[in-house]
Protein backbone atom coordinates (compact mmCIF):
# COMPACT_ATOMS: atom_id res chain seq x y z
CA UNK A 1 2.58 -22.33 -14.07
CA UNK A 2 4.62 -20.28 -11.55
CA UNK A 3 3.04 -17.23 -10.13
CA UNK A 4 4.44 -13.84 -10.29
CA UNK A 5 3.72 -12.57 -6.75
CA UNK A 6 3.87 -8.60 -6.36
CA UNK A 7 4.02 -6.85 -2.95
CA UNK A 8 3.00 -3.16 -3.13
CA UNK A 9 4.50 -1.67 0.08
CA UNK A 10 2.58 1.38 0.84
CA UNK A 11 1.74 3.72 3.61
CA UNK A 12 -1.77 4.70 4.18
CA UNK A 13 -3.64 7.45 1.96
CA UNK A 14 -1.16 7.00 -0.62
CA UNK A 15 -3.72 6.03 -3.61
CA UNK A 16 -2.82 2.40 -2.90
CA UNK A 17 -6.22 1.19 -3.43
CA UNK A 18 -6.33 2.65 -6.73
CA UNK A 19 -3.28 1.02 -7.70
CA UNK A 20 -4.70 -2.41 -6.57
CA UNK A 21 -7.87 -1.48 -8.62
CA UNK A 22 -5.86 -0.98 -11.70
CA UNK A 23 -4.21 -4.36 -11.38
CA UNK A 24 -7.54 -5.87 -10.77
CA UNK A 25 -8.62 -5.07 -14.34
CA UNK A 26 -5.80 -7.20 -15.75
CA UNK A 27 -7.37 -10.47 -16.94
CA UNK A 28 -4.07 -12.47 -15.68
CA UNK A 29 -3.86 -10.93 -12.23
CA UNK A 30 -5.69 -11.76 -8.80
CA UNK A 31 -5.45 -9.09 -6.11
CA UNK A 32 -5.48 -9.28 -2.48
CA UNK A 33 -6.12 -6.37 -0.17
CA UNK A 34 -3.83 -6.10 2.84
CA UNK A 35 -3.44 -9.93 3.99
CA UNK A 36 -1.36 -8.65 7.37
CA UNK A 37 -3.74 -6.11 8.66
CA UNK A 38 -5.15 -8.37 11.18
CA UNK A 39 -1.75 -9.60 12.20
CA UNK A 40 -0.64 -5.88 12.64
CA UNK A 41 -3.72 -4.87 14.70
CA UNK A 42 -3.41 -8.08 16.98
CA UNK A 43 0.05 -7.52 17.47
CA UNK A 44 -0.15 -3.86 18.30
CA UNK A 45 -3.32 -3.97 20.28
CA UNK A 46 -3.76 -7.61 21.50
CA UNK A 47 -7.01 -8.53 22.92
CA UNK A 48 -8.06 -5.00 24.03
CA UNK A 49 -8.96 -3.38 20.89
CA UNK A 50 -10.30 -0.22 22.75
CA UNK A 51 -7.10 1.46 22.26
CA UNK A 52 -6.98 0.97 18.65
CA UNK A 53 -7.33 4.20 16.53
CA UNK A 54 -8.06 2.11 13.45
CA UNK A 55 -11.91 2.18 12.75
CA UNK A 56 -13.47 -1.37 12.29
CA UNK A 57 -10.63 -3.17 14.29
CA UNK A 58 -13.13 -5.64 15.40
CA UNK A 59 -14.17 -6.58 12.12
CA UNK A 60 -10.73 -6.74 10.58
CA UNK A 61 -9.76 -9.23 13.35
CA UNK A 62 -12.86 -11.27 12.72
CA UNK A 63 -12.35 -11.50 8.91
CA UNK A 64 -8.83 -12.66 8.54
CA UNK A 65 -5.98 -14.64 10.27
CA UNK A 66 -3.93 -12.76 12.78
CA UNK A 67 -1.14 -15.12 12.61
CA UNK A 68 1.57 -13.60 9.97
CA UNK A 69 3.37 -17.24 9.48
CA UNK A 70 -0.16 -18.47 8.28
CA UNK A 71 -0.97 -15.59 6.24
CA UNK A 72 2.75 -15.81 4.50
CA UNK A 73 2.28 -19.47 3.96
CA UNK A 74 -1.31 -19.74 2.85
CA UNK A 75 -1.80 -16.24 1.20
CA UNK A 76 1.27 -14.42 0.09
CA UNK A 77 3.09 -17.49 -0.82
CA UNK A 78 -0.11 -19.87 -1.19
CA UNK A 79 -2.07 -21.05 -4.22
CA UNK A 80 -3.06 -18.70 -7.04
CA UNK A 81 -5.08 -19.52 -10.23
CA UNK A 82 -3.56 -16.62 -12.09
CA UNK A 83 -0.23 -15.95 -13.63
CA UNK A 84 0.13 -12.76 -11.38
CA UNK A 85 -0.79 -12.27 -7.83
CA UNK A 86 -0.92 -8.65 -6.65
CA UNK A 87 -0.95 -7.86 -3.09
CA UNK A 88 -1.67 -4.34 -1.58
CA UNK A 89 0.43 -4.20 1.63
CA UNK A 90 0.91 -1.50 4.33
CA UNK A 91 4.77 -1.16 5.16
CA UNK A 92 3.81 -0.57 9.03
CA UNK A 93 2.10 -3.95 9.29
CA UNK A 94 5.48 -5.47 9.21
CA UNK A 95 5.96 -5.92 12.70
CA UNK A 96 7.65 -8.97 14.40
CA UNK A 97 7.44 -10.71 11.14
CA UNK A 98 10.16 -12.99 9.62
CA UNK A 99 10.96 -11.16 6.34
CA UNK A 100 12.82 -13.90 4.65
CA UNK A 101 9.51 -14.50 2.38
CA UNK A 102 10.28 -11.03 0.33
CA UNK A 103 12.92 -13.06 -1.51
CA UNK A 104 10.10 -14.90 -3.34
CA UNK A 105 8.20 -11.70 -3.98
CA UNK A 106 8.63 -8.84 -6.49
CA UNK A 107 8.45 -5.78 -4.28
CA UNK A 108 7.18 -2.38 -5.18
CA UNK A 109 7.24 0.78 -2.92
CA UNK A 110 4.70 3.52 -3.13
CA UNK A 111 5.13 6.81 -1.48
CA UNK A 112 3.26 10.21 -1.15
CA UNK A 113 4.53 13.55 0.05
CA UNK A 114 3.92 13.76 3.90
CA UNK A 115 2.61 17.24 3.48
CA UNK A 116 -0.17 15.75 1.76
CA UNK A 117 -0.63 12.45 3.20
CA UNK A 118 -0.53 13.42 6.81
CA UNK A 119 -3.63 15.69 6.94
CA UNK A 120 -5.50 12.96 5.10
CA UNK A 121 -4.41 10.38 7.48
CA UNK A 122 -5.61 12.49 10.55
CA UNK A 123 -9.21 12.32 9.12
CA UNK A 124 -9.41 8.46 9.87
CA UNK A 125 -6.93 7.60 12.79
CA UNK A 126 -6.45 11.21 14.42
CA UNK A 127 -2.98 12.57 15.08
CA UNK A 128 -0.60 9.95 13.32
CA UNK A 129 3.02 9.03 14.38
CA UNK A 130 5.87 8.44 11.97
CA UNK A 131 5.36 4.71 12.61
CA UNK A 132 1.74 5.03 11.43
CA UNK A 133 3.03 6.19 8.03
CA UNK A 134 5.18 3.55 7.14
CA UNK A 135 7.85 5.86 5.78
CA UNK A 136 10.70 4.65 8.07
CA UNK A 137 9.71 1.00 7.54
CA UNK A 138 9.61 1.68 3.74
CA UNK A 139 13.12 3.31 3.74
CA UNK A 140 14.73 0.59 6.01
CA UNK A 141 12.96 -2.12 4.13
CA UNK A 142 14.37 -0.64 0.49
CA UNK A 143 17.71 -0.67 1.90
CA UNK A 144 17.62 -4.30 3.04
CA UNK A 145 16.18 -5.49 -0.24
CA UNK A 146 18.77 -3.49 -2.22
CA UNK A 147 21.50 -5.15 -0.13
CA UNK A 148 20.08 -8.44 -0.90
CA UNK A 149 20.31 -7.77 -4.65
CA UNK A 150 16.71 -6.55 -5.52
CA UNK A 151 16.03 -3.22 -7.18
CA UNK A 152 12.43 -2.56 -6.21
CA UNK A 153 10.58 0.16 -8.44
CA UNK A 154 9.20 3.18 -6.44
CA UNK A 155 6.13 4.93 -7.31
CA UNK A 156 5.25 8.35 -6.05
CA UNK A 157 1.45 9.35 -5.67
CA UNK A 158 1.79 12.58 -7.37
CA UNK A 159 3.94 11.52 -10.30
CA UNK A 160 1.36 8.69 -10.69
CA UNK A 161 -1.58 10.78 -10.69
CA UNK A 162 0.16 13.43 -13.04
CA UNK A 163 0.79 10.65 -15.85
CA UNK A 164 -0.87 7.36 -14.73
CA UNK A 165 -0.41 5.70 -18.35
CA UNK A 166 3.37 6.44 -18.44
CA UNK A 167 4.17 5.43 -14.57
CA UNK A 168 2.32 2.18 -14.77
CA UNK A 169 3.74 1.23 -18.14
CA UNK A 170 7.22 1.66 -16.78
CA UNK A 171 6.20 -0.24 -13.60
CA UNK A 172 4.99 -3.10 -15.75
CA UNK A 173 8.24 -3.07 -17.87
CA UNK A 174 10.10 -3.16 -14.55
CA UNK A 175 8.07 -6.26 -13.38
CA UNK A 176 8.38 -8.10 -16.91
CA UNK A 177 4.64 -7.58 -17.34
CA UNK A 178 2.79 -6.39 -20.76
CA UNK A 179 0.96 -2.91 -19.88
CA UNK A 180 -2.76 -3.20 -20.33
CA UNK A 181 -4.75 -0.09 -21.09
CA UNK A 182 -7.58 -1.54 -18.88
CA UNK A 183 -5.36 -0.58 -15.88
CA UNK A 184 -6.48 3.11 -16.29
CA UNK A 185 -10.21 2.70 -15.60
CA UNK A 186 -12.61 0.76 -13.56
CA UNK A 187 -16.21 0.72 -12.60
CA UNK A 188 -17.30 2.88 -9.70
CA UNK A 189 -18.59 1.08 -6.45
CA UNK A 190 -15.52 -0.81 -4.95
CA UNK A 191 -13.99 -4.33 -5.83
CA UNK A 192 -14.68 -7.64 -4.31
CA UNK A 193 -11.16 -8.05 -3.27
CA UNK A 194 -11.73 -4.94 -0.78
CA UNK A 195 -11.23 -5.75 2.87
CA UNK A 196 -13.95 -5.27 5.44
CA UNK A 197 -12.44 -2.06 6.23
CA UNK A 198 -13.25 -0.51 2.91
CA UNK A 199 -16.22 1.57 4.25
CA UNK A 200 -13.76 3.54 6.64
CA UNK A 201 -11.06 4.07 4.01
CA UNK A 202 -12.12 3.74 0.70
CA UNK A 203 -14.98 6.23 0.09
CA UNK A 204 -13.26 8.43 -2.54
CA UNK A 205 -11.74 5.57 -4.63
CA UNK A 206 -15.40 3.86 -4.71
CA UNK A 207 -16.84 6.82 -6.40
CA UNK A 208 -13.91 7.06 -8.96
CA UNK A 209 -13.81 5.35 -12.28
CA UNK A 210 -9.96 5.83 -12.77
CA UNK A 211 -6.87 7.69 -11.44
CA UNK A 212 -8.00 11.23 -10.41
CA UNK A 213 -6.09 14.22 -11.80
CA UNK A 214 -3.46 15.29 -9.36
CA UNK A 215 -4.51 18.44 -7.39
CA UNK A 216 -2.15 19.87 -4.70
CA UNK A 217 -3.88 20.59 -1.41
CA UNK A 218 -5.22 24.06 -0.87
CA UNK A 219 -5.70 23.99 3.06
CA UNK A 220 -2.76 25.34 5.18
CA UNK A 221 -0.83 22.67 6.66
CA UNK A 222 -1.76 22.08 10.44
CA UNK A 223 0.61 23.12 12.79
CA UNK A 224 0.09 20.19 15.05
CA UNK A 225 1.65 18.16 12.58
CA UNK A 226 4.78 20.14 11.85
CA UNK A 227 7.03 17.70 14.04
CA UNK A 228 5.83 14.47 12.48
CA UNK A 229 6.00 16.33 9.12
CA UNK A 230 10.01 16.75 9.56
CA UNK A 231 10.49 13.28 10.93
CA UNK A 232 8.40 11.87 7.72
CA UNK A 233 10.37 14.16 5.12
CA UNK A 234 13.69 12.90 6.31
CA UNK A 235 12.69 9.24 5.07
CA UNK A 236 10.44 10.65 2.15
CA UNK A 237 12.82 12.65 0.25
CA UNK A 238 15.51 9.94 -0.55
CA UNK A 239 12.73 7.60 -1.66
CA UNK A 240 11.18 10.16 -3.85
CA UNK A 241 14.57 10.89 -5.66
CA UNK A 242 14.41 7.27 -7.12
CA UNK A 243 10.73 7.35 -8.07
CA UNK A 244 9.43 6.47 -11.64
CA UNK A 245 8.53 9.66 -13.55
């Protein structure tokens, strides 16, 4: 049996965990949560994790391999007992990595309007940079994959929340999968595949039983984030233009 390997290249605070939970409800699918997170933290901060803005850094480093080549060989391209392997990935984790493995995976992008994403991200890591959002990496990676002949689907968080059934059904069609209604709901309390960082990042999705209805943020946008918003928007807008709707 040849496994269909799906990498969801997201940024933080983009409802990516909800998408992972949706795929976890499929009887034909195994899910994996951010297998390159420890590599990213180790590469960025090294042994001195006191500079890390990511909560639970020490726990993450202790829970999984910090060597990207090992993770790619043994996890991303490793054995899988199910026909489908769905991997929630963060685009900004792709630092100092040989990306040739992406020719063996089905790649999907998940984006969110930075005007809504940035205030949410500040609550976890403080003031974010463009690199922290993964948007430039997503944009550049999409261009590279298209040049290599791939046509990766793009999901936008707002469009997904406004009509999860339609967007997920279209995504499944693009991935040559049969849509399953089970993808629209799950039990509250988390998923066994959650990484050890779940207590810091997944509070809202752990309370959920499905995709929450989209609600625009009502709070004023923080003036301190205006500069990074401008930088993010330059990459978000062209990605959003091609999103499934």
